N, C-alpha and C. Protein backbone atom coordinates (compact mmCIF):
# COMPACT_ATOMS: atom_id res chain seq x y z
N MET A 1 5.63 31.30 20.51
CA MET A 1 5.20 30.50 19.39
C MET A 1 3.83 29.90 19.71
N LYS A 2 2.95 29.95 18.74
CA LYS A 2 1.63 29.34 18.88
C LYS A 2 1.53 28.16 17.92
N LEU A 3 0.91 27.10 18.38
CA LEU A 3 0.61 25.95 17.53
C LEU A 3 -0.89 25.73 17.54
N ASP A 4 -1.51 25.80 16.39
CA ASP A 4 -2.95 25.57 16.29
C ASP A 4 -3.18 24.10 15.95
N LEU A 5 -3.24 23.27 16.97
CA LEU A 5 -3.40 21.83 16.77
C LEU A 5 -4.76 21.46 16.21
N ALA A 6 -5.72 22.38 16.28
CA ALA A 6 -7.05 22.11 15.75
C ALA A 6 -7.01 21.94 14.23
N LYS A 7 -6.04 22.57 13.57
CA LYS A 7 -5.92 22.45 12.10
C LYS A 7 -5.15 21.20 11.68
N ALA A 8 -4.39 20.63 12.59
CA ALA A 8 -3.61 19.42 12.30
C ALA A 8 -4.48 18.21 12.59
N VAL A 9 -5.23 17.78 11.58
CA VAL A 9 -6.19 16.70 11.77
C VAL A 9 -5.83 15.48 10.93
N TYR A 10 -6.19 14.34 11.44
CA TYR A 10 -5.94 13.07 10.75
C TYR A 10 -7.19 12.56 10.03
N GLU A 11 -8.32 13.26 10.21
CA GLU A 11 -9.58 12.79 9.64
C GLU A 11 -9.54 12.81 8.11
N ALA A 12 -10.30 11.90 7.53
CA ALA A 12 -10.38 11.78 6.08
C ALA A 12 -11.43 12.72 5.51
N GLN A 13 -11.24 13.06 4.23
CA GLN A 13 -12.17 13.92 3.50
C GLN A 13 -12.58 13.19 2.22
N TRP A 14 -13.78 13.48 1.73
CA TRP A 14 -14.26 12.91 0.48
C TRP A 14 -13.80 13.77 -0.70
N PHE A 15 -13.37 13.10 -1.79
CA PHE A 15 -12.96 13.77 -3.03
C PHE A 15 -13.62 13.06 -4.20
N ASP A 16 -14.05 13.83 -5.19
CA ASP A 16 -14.61 13.25 -6.41
C ASP A 16 -13.48 12.70 -7.27
N PHE A 17 -13.68 11.48 -7.78
CA PHE A 17 -12.72 10.84 -8.68
C PHE A 17 -13.47 10.36 -9.91
N GLY A 18 -13.67 11.26 -10.83
CA GLY A 18 -14.44 10.92 -12.03
C GLY A 18 -15.93 10.92 -11.74
N PRO A 19 -16.71 10.68 -12.78
CA PRO A 19 -18.18 10.72 -12.64
C PRO A 19 -18.72 9.64 -11.70
N GLY A 20 -19.42 10.07 -10.67
CA GLY A 20 -20.11 9.14 -9.78
C GLY A 20 -19.22 8.38 -8.81
N THR A 21 -17.94 8.71 -8.74
CA THR A 21 -17.03 8.00 -7.84
C THR A 21 -16.41 8.99 -6.86
N ARG A 22 -16.44 8.60 -5.60
CA ARG A 22 -15.82 9.42 -4.55
C ARG A 22 -14.86 8.55 -3.75
N LEU A 23 -13.75 9.15 -3.34
CA LEU A 23 -12.76 8.46 -2.52
C LEU A 23 -12.57 9.23 -1.23
N LYS A 24 -12.54 8.51 -0.12
CA LYS A 24 -12.33 9.14 1.19
C LYS A 24 -10.86 8.96 1.54
N ILE A 25 -10.16 10.10 1.67
CA ILE A 25 -8.71 10.10 1.80
C ILE A 25 -8.29 10.88 3.04
N ARG A 26 -7.30 10.34 3.75
CA ARG A 26 -6.74 11.06 4.89
C ARG A 26 -5.25 11.30 4.65
N PRO A 27 -4.69 12.28 5.36
CA PRO A 27 -3.26 12.55 5.17
C PRO A 27 -2.41 11.42 5.74
N TYR A 28 -1.18 11.36 5.28
CA TYR A 28 -0.24 10.35 5.78
C TYR A 28 0.66 11.01 6.80
N PRO A 29 0.63 10.53 8.05
CA PRO A 29 1.43 11.18 9.08
C PRO A 29 2.93 10.93 8.89
N ALA A 30 3.73 11.93 9.15
CA ALA A 30 5.18 11.83 8.99
C ALA A 30 5.78 10.75 9.89
N THR A 31 5.13 10.43 11.00
CA THR A 31 5.65 9.41 11.90
C THR A 31 5.67 8.03 11.26
N LEU A 32 4.88 7.82 10.23
CA LEU A 32 4.87 6.53 9.53
C LEU A 32 5.75 6.52 8.29
N SER A 33 6.30 7.67 7.96
CA SER A 33 7.02 7.86 6.70
C SER A 33 8.35 7.13 6.68
N ASN A 34 8.67 6.54 5.53
CA ASN A 34 9.94 5.89 5.30
C ASN A 34 10.45 6.37 3.95
N MET A 35 11.01 7.58 3.92
CA MET A 35 11.44 8.20 2.68
C MET A 35 12.94 8.45 2.71
N ALA A 36 13.50 8.55 1.52
CA ALA A 36 14.90 8.91 1.38
C ALA A 36 14.99 10.14 0.49
N PHE A 37 16.06 10.90 0.64
CA PHE A 37 16.29 12.07 -0.21
C PHE A 37 17.49 11.79 -1.09
N ARG A 38 17.31 11.99 -2.41
CA ARG A 38 18.40 11.80 -3.36
C ARG A 38 18.44 13.00 -4.29
N ASP A 39 19.55 13.70 -4.28
CA ASP A 39 19.71 14.89 -5.13
C ASP A 39 18.58 15.90 -4.91
N GLY A 40 18.15 16.06 -3.67
CA GLY A 40 17.12 17.04 -3.34
C GLY A 40 15.70 16.57 -3.60
N ALA A 41 15.54 15.36 -4.13
CA ALA A 41 14.20 14.82 -4.41
C ALA A 41 13.84 13.75 -3.38
N ILE A 42 12.56 13.62 -3.11
CA ILE A 42 12.09 12.56 -2.21
C ILE A 42 11.93 11.29 -3.03
N VAL A 43 12.51 10.21 -2.52
CA VAL A 43 12.41 8.91 -3.19
C VAL A 43 11.65 7.97 -2.25
N ILE A 44 10.59 7.39 -2.77
CA ILE A 44 9.77 6.49 -1.97
C ILE A 44 9.75 5.13 -2.65
N ALA A 45 10.09 4.09 -1.92
CA ALA A 45 10.07 2.74 -2.47
C ALA A 45 8.64 2.27 -2.67
N GLY A 46 8.47 1.27 -3.53
CA GLY A 46 7.13 0.73 -3.81
C GLY A 46 6.40 0.29 -2.56
N ALA A 47 7.11 -0.41 -1.66
CA ALA A 47 6.46 -0.88 -0.43
C ALA A 47 6.00 0.29 0.42
N SER A 48 6.82 1.33 0.50
CA SER A 48 6.43 2.51 1.28
C SER A 48 5.27 3.24 0.63
N SER A 49 5.28 3.32 -0.70
CA SER A 49 4.16 3.96 -1.41
C SER A 49 2.87 3.19 -1.16
N PHE A 50 2.95 1.86 -1.16
CA PHE A 50 1.76 1.07 -0.90
C PHE A 50 1.28 1.27 0.53
N ASP A 51 2.20 1.33 1.48
CA ASP A 51 1.80 1.59 2.87
C ASP A 51 1.05 2.92 2.97
N MET A 52 1.55 3.93 2.26
CA MET A 52 0.90 5.23 2.26
C MET A 52 -0.50 5.12 1.66
N PHE A 53 -0.59 4.48 0.49
CA PHE A 53 -1.87 4.32 -0.19
C PHE A 53 -2.86 3.59 0.70
N GLN A 54 -2.41 2.49 1.28
CA GLN A 54 -3.29 1.67 2.13
C GLN A 54 -3.80 2.46 3.33
N HIS A 55 -2.93 3.27 3.93
CA HIS A 55 -3.33 4.07 5.08
C HIS A 55 -4.28 5.20 4.69
N CYS A 56 -4.01 5.84 3.55
CA CYS A 56 -4.72 7.06 3.18
C CYS A 56 -6.10 6.82 2.57
N LEU A 57 -6.28 5.71 1.85
CA LEU A 57 -7.59 5.42 1.26
C LEU A 57 -8.45 4.73 2.31
N VAL A 58 -9.42 5.47 2.81
CA VAL A 58 -10.24 5.01 3.92
C VAL A 58 -11.53 4.33 3.44
N ASP A 59 -12.11 4.87 2.37
CA ASP A 59 -13.40 4.36 1.90
C ASP A 59 -13.59 4.81 0.46
N TRP A 60 -14.58 4.22 -0.19
CA TRP A 60 -14.94 4.70 -1.52
C TRP A 60 -16.41 4.47 -1.77
N ASP A 61 -16.92 5.21 -2.74
CA ASP A 61 -18.33 5.15 -3.10
C ASP A 61 -18.41 5.23 -4.62
N GLY A 62 -19.23 4.38 -5.22
CA GLY A 62 -19.40 4.41 -6.67
C GLY A 62 -18.41 3.54 -7.41
N VAL A 63 -17.73 2.64 -6.71
CA VAL A 63 -16.81 1.70 -7.35
C VAL A 63 -17.49 0.33 -7.35
N ASN A 64 -17.64 -0.23 -8.54
CA ASN A 64 -18.33 -1.51 -8.70
C ASN A 64 -17.42 -2.57 -9.28
N ASP A 65 -17.78 -3.84 -9.06
CA ASP A 65 -17.01 -4.94 -9.63
C ASP A 65 -17.48 -5.24 -11.06
N ALA A 66 -16.97 -6.31 -11.65
CA ALA A 66 -17.30 -6.65 -13.04
C ALA A 66 -18.79 -6.96 -13.22
N ASP A 67 -19.47 -7.35 -12.15
CA ASP A 67 -20.91 -7.64 -12.21
C ASP A 67 -21.74 -6.40 -11.87
N ASP A 68 -21.10 -5.25 -11.78
CA ASP A 68 -21.73 -3.97 -11.48
C ASP A 68 -22.35 -3.93 -10.08
N LYS A 69 -21.75 -4.68 -9.16
CA LYS A 69 -22.15 -4.63 -7.75
C LYS A 69 -21.11 -3.82 -6.99
N PRO A 70 -21.54 -3.09 -5.96
CA PRO A 70 -20.58 -2.30 -5.18
C PRO A 70 -19.41 -3.16 -4.71
N LEU A 71 -18.20 -2.66 -4.96
CA LEU A 71 -16.98 -3.37 -4.59
C LEU A 71 -16.54 -2.93 -3.21
N LYS A 72 -16.45 -3.89 -2.29
CA LYS A 72 -16.04 -3.59 -0.93
C LYS A 72 -14.54 -3.29 -0.91
N LEU A 73 -14.18 -2.24 -0.20
CA LEU A 73 -12.78 -1.84 -0.09
C LEU A 73 -12.10 -2.68 1.00
N THR A 74 -11.33 -3.66 0.57
CA THR A 74 -10.59 -4.54 1.49
C THR A 74 -9.10 -4.37 1.26
N ALA A 75 -8.30 -4.96 2.13
CA ALA A 75 -6.85 -4.91 1.97
C ALA A 75 -6.43 -5.58 0.66
N GLU A 76 -7.07 -6.68 0.31
CA GLU A 76 -6.74 -7.38 -0.94
C GLU A 76 -7.09 -6.53 -2.16
N VAL A 77 -8.24 -5.88 -2.13
CA VAL A 77 -8.65 -5.01 -3.23
C VAL A 77 -7.68 -3.83 -3.34
N LYS A 78 -7.32 -3.22 -2.22
CA LYS A 78 -6.37 -2.11 -2.25
C LYS A 78 -5.05 -2.54 -2.89
N LYS A 79 -4.57 -3.74 -2.54
CA LYS A 79 -3.31 -4.24 -3.10
C LYS A 79 -3.40 -4.38 -4.62
N LYS A 80 -4.50 -4.95 -5.11
CA LYS A 80 -4.67 -5.12 -6.56
C LYS A 80 -4.80 -3.77 -7.27
N VAL A 81 -5.56 -2.87 -6.68
CA VAL A 81 -5.71 -1.53 -7.26
C VAL A 81 -4.36 -0.85 -7.35
N PHE A 82 -3.55 -0.98 -6.31
CA PHE A 82 -2.23 -0.36 -6.29
C PHE A 82 -1.26 -1.07 -7.25
N ASP A 83 -1.17 -2.39 -7.15
CA ASP A 83 -0.20 -3.15 -7.95
C ASP A 83 -0.41 -2.99 -9.45
N PHE A 84 -1.66 -2.92 -9.86
CA PHE A 84 -1.95 -2.87 -11.29
C PHE A 84 -2.47 -1.51 -11.76
N ARG A 85 -2.33 -0.51 -10.89
CA ARG A 85 -2.69 0.88 -11.21
C ARG A 85 -4.09 0.95 -11.84
N LEU A 86 -5.03 0.34 -11.16
CA LEU A 86 -6.41 0.27 -11.66
C LEU A 86 -7.16 1.57 -11.44
N GLY A 87 -8.25 1.71 -12.18
CA GLY A 87 -9.15 2.84 -12.00
C GLY A 87 -8.65 4.11 -12.65
N GLN A 88 -8.17 4.01 -13.86
CA GLN A 88 -7.67 5.19 -14.57
C GLN A 88 -8.82 6.16 -14.88
N GLN A 89 -8.61 7.42 -14.56
CA GLN A 89 -9.59 8.47 -14.83
C GLN A 89 -8.85 9.71 -15.32
N GLU A 90 -9.51 10.49 -16.13
CA GLU A 90 -8.98 11.79 -16.54
C GLU A 90 -9.39 12.80 -15.48
N ILE A 91 -8.39 13.36 -14.81
CA ILE A 91 -8.61 14.33 -13.74
C ILE A 91 -7.77 15.57 -14.05
N ASP A 92 -8.43 16.69 -14.25
CA ASP A 92 -7.72 17.96 -14.52
C ASP A 92 -6.71 17.83 -15.66
N GLY A 93 -7.10 17.12 -16.72
CA GLY A 93 -6.24 16.98 -17.90
C GLY A 93 -5.16 15.93 -17.78
N ASN A 94 -5.13 15.20 -16.66
CA ASN A 94 -4.15 14.13 -16.47
C ASN A 94 -4.87 12.81 -16.27
N THR A 95 -4.29 11.73 -16.78
CA THR A 95 -4.83 10.40 -16.52
C THR A 95 -4.17 9.86 -15.27
N LEU A 96 -4.99 9.65 -14.24
CA LEU A 96 -4.49 9.18 -12.95
C LEU A 96 -5.16 7.88 -12.57
N SER A 97 -4.39 6.98 -11.97
CA SER A 97 -4.98 5.79 -11.36
C SER A 97 -5.51 6.19 -9.99
N ILE A 98 -6.28 5.32 -9.39
CA ILE A 98 -6.77 5.58 -8.04
C ILE A 98 -5.60 5.81 -7.10
N SER A 99 -4.56 4.99 -7.21
CA SER A 99 -3.42 5.13 -6.30
C SER A 99 -2.71 6.46 -6.48
N ASP A 100 -2.51 6.90 -7.73
CA ASP A 100 -1.89 8.20 -7.98
C ASP A 100 -2.71 9.32 -7.34
N PHE A 101 -4.02 9.25 -7.55
CA PHE A 101 -4.92 10.28 -7.04
C PHE A 101 -4.90 10.32 -5.51
N VAL A 102 -4.97 9.15 -4.88
CA VAL A 102 -4.99 9.08 -3.42
C VAL A 102 -3.70 9.67 -2.85
N LEU A 103 -2.56 9.27 -3.39
CA LEU A 103 -1.28 9.77 -2.87
C LEU A 103 -1.14 11.28 -3.09
N ARG A 104 -1.61 11.74 -4.23
CA ARG A 104 -1.55 13.18 -4.52
C ARG A 104 -2.44 13.97 -3.56
N LYS A 105 -3.68 13.50 -3.36
CA LYS A 105 -4.61 14.22 -2.47
C LYS A 105 -4.14 14.17 -1.02
N ALA A 106 -3.60 13.03 -0.59
CA ALA A 106 -3.09 12.92 0.78
C ALA A 106 -1.98 13.95 1.00
N ARG A 107 -1.12 14.11 0.00
CA ARG A 107 -0.04 15.10 0.09
C ARG A 107 -0.61 16.52 0.13
N GLU A 108 -1.63 16.78 -0.70
CA GLU A 108 -2.26 18.10 -0.71
C GLU A 108 -2.88 18.43 0.64
N ILE A 109 -3.51 17.44 1.28
CA ILE A 109 -4.10 17.66 2.61
C ILE A 109 -2.99 18.06 3.59
N SER A 110 -1.90 17.30 3.59
CA SER A 110 -0.78 17.60 4.49
C SER A 110 -0.19 18.98 4.19
N ASP A 111 -0.01 19.29 2.91
CA ASP A 111 0.53 20.60 2.53
C ASP A 111 -0.38 21.73 2.99
N SER A 112 -1.68 21.51 2.90
CA SER A 112 -2.66 22.52 3.32
C SER A 112 -2.56 22.77 4.82
N ILE A 113 -2.40 21.71 5.60
CA ILE A 113 -2.26 21.85 7.04
C ILE A 113 -0.97 22.62 7.36
N GLU A 114 0.11 22.27 6.65
CA GLU A 114 1.39 22.94 6.86
C GLU A 114 1.31 24.41 6.47
N ALA A 115 0.65 24.72 5.37
CA ALA A 115 0.49 26.10 4.92
C ALA A 115 -0.31 26.92 5.91
N ASP A 116 -1.37 26.32 6.46
CA ASP A 116 -2.17 27.02 7.47
C ASP A 116 -1.32 27.38 8.69
N GLU A 117 -0.43 26.48 9.07
CA GLU A 117 0.42 26.71 10.22
C GLU A 117 1.40 27.86 9.96
N LYS A 118 1.89 27.96 8.72
CA LYS A 118 2.85 29.02 8.37
C LYS A 118 2.20 30.39 8.35
N ASN A 119 0.90 30.43 8.05
CA ASN A 119 0.21 31.73 7.94
C ASN A 119 -0.21 32.20 9.27
């Protein structure tokens, strides 16, 4: 059996989130995961989802406050963005909040690493 650890990376990648906005997202490692399985589906509690969001969103660019000044990405800002599902954008025909997008992309990164390993 061969394991290509070079493809299993924790580094973050930049993704476009609407016009002029980029989010830097990293995968969520399974070692931090707190998930349950119910009827074959993964169930994640709100606190666990927030932990994932907080870990995976590393940086952002093009996000401004109400005064149109760059908004610093802090733990408090992340909590408000997550709690109130802020930053709605139309992405690929779906309206996603920043938190939805981050969690989806983090999962895609992990799935991509897993798929590479299977091939």
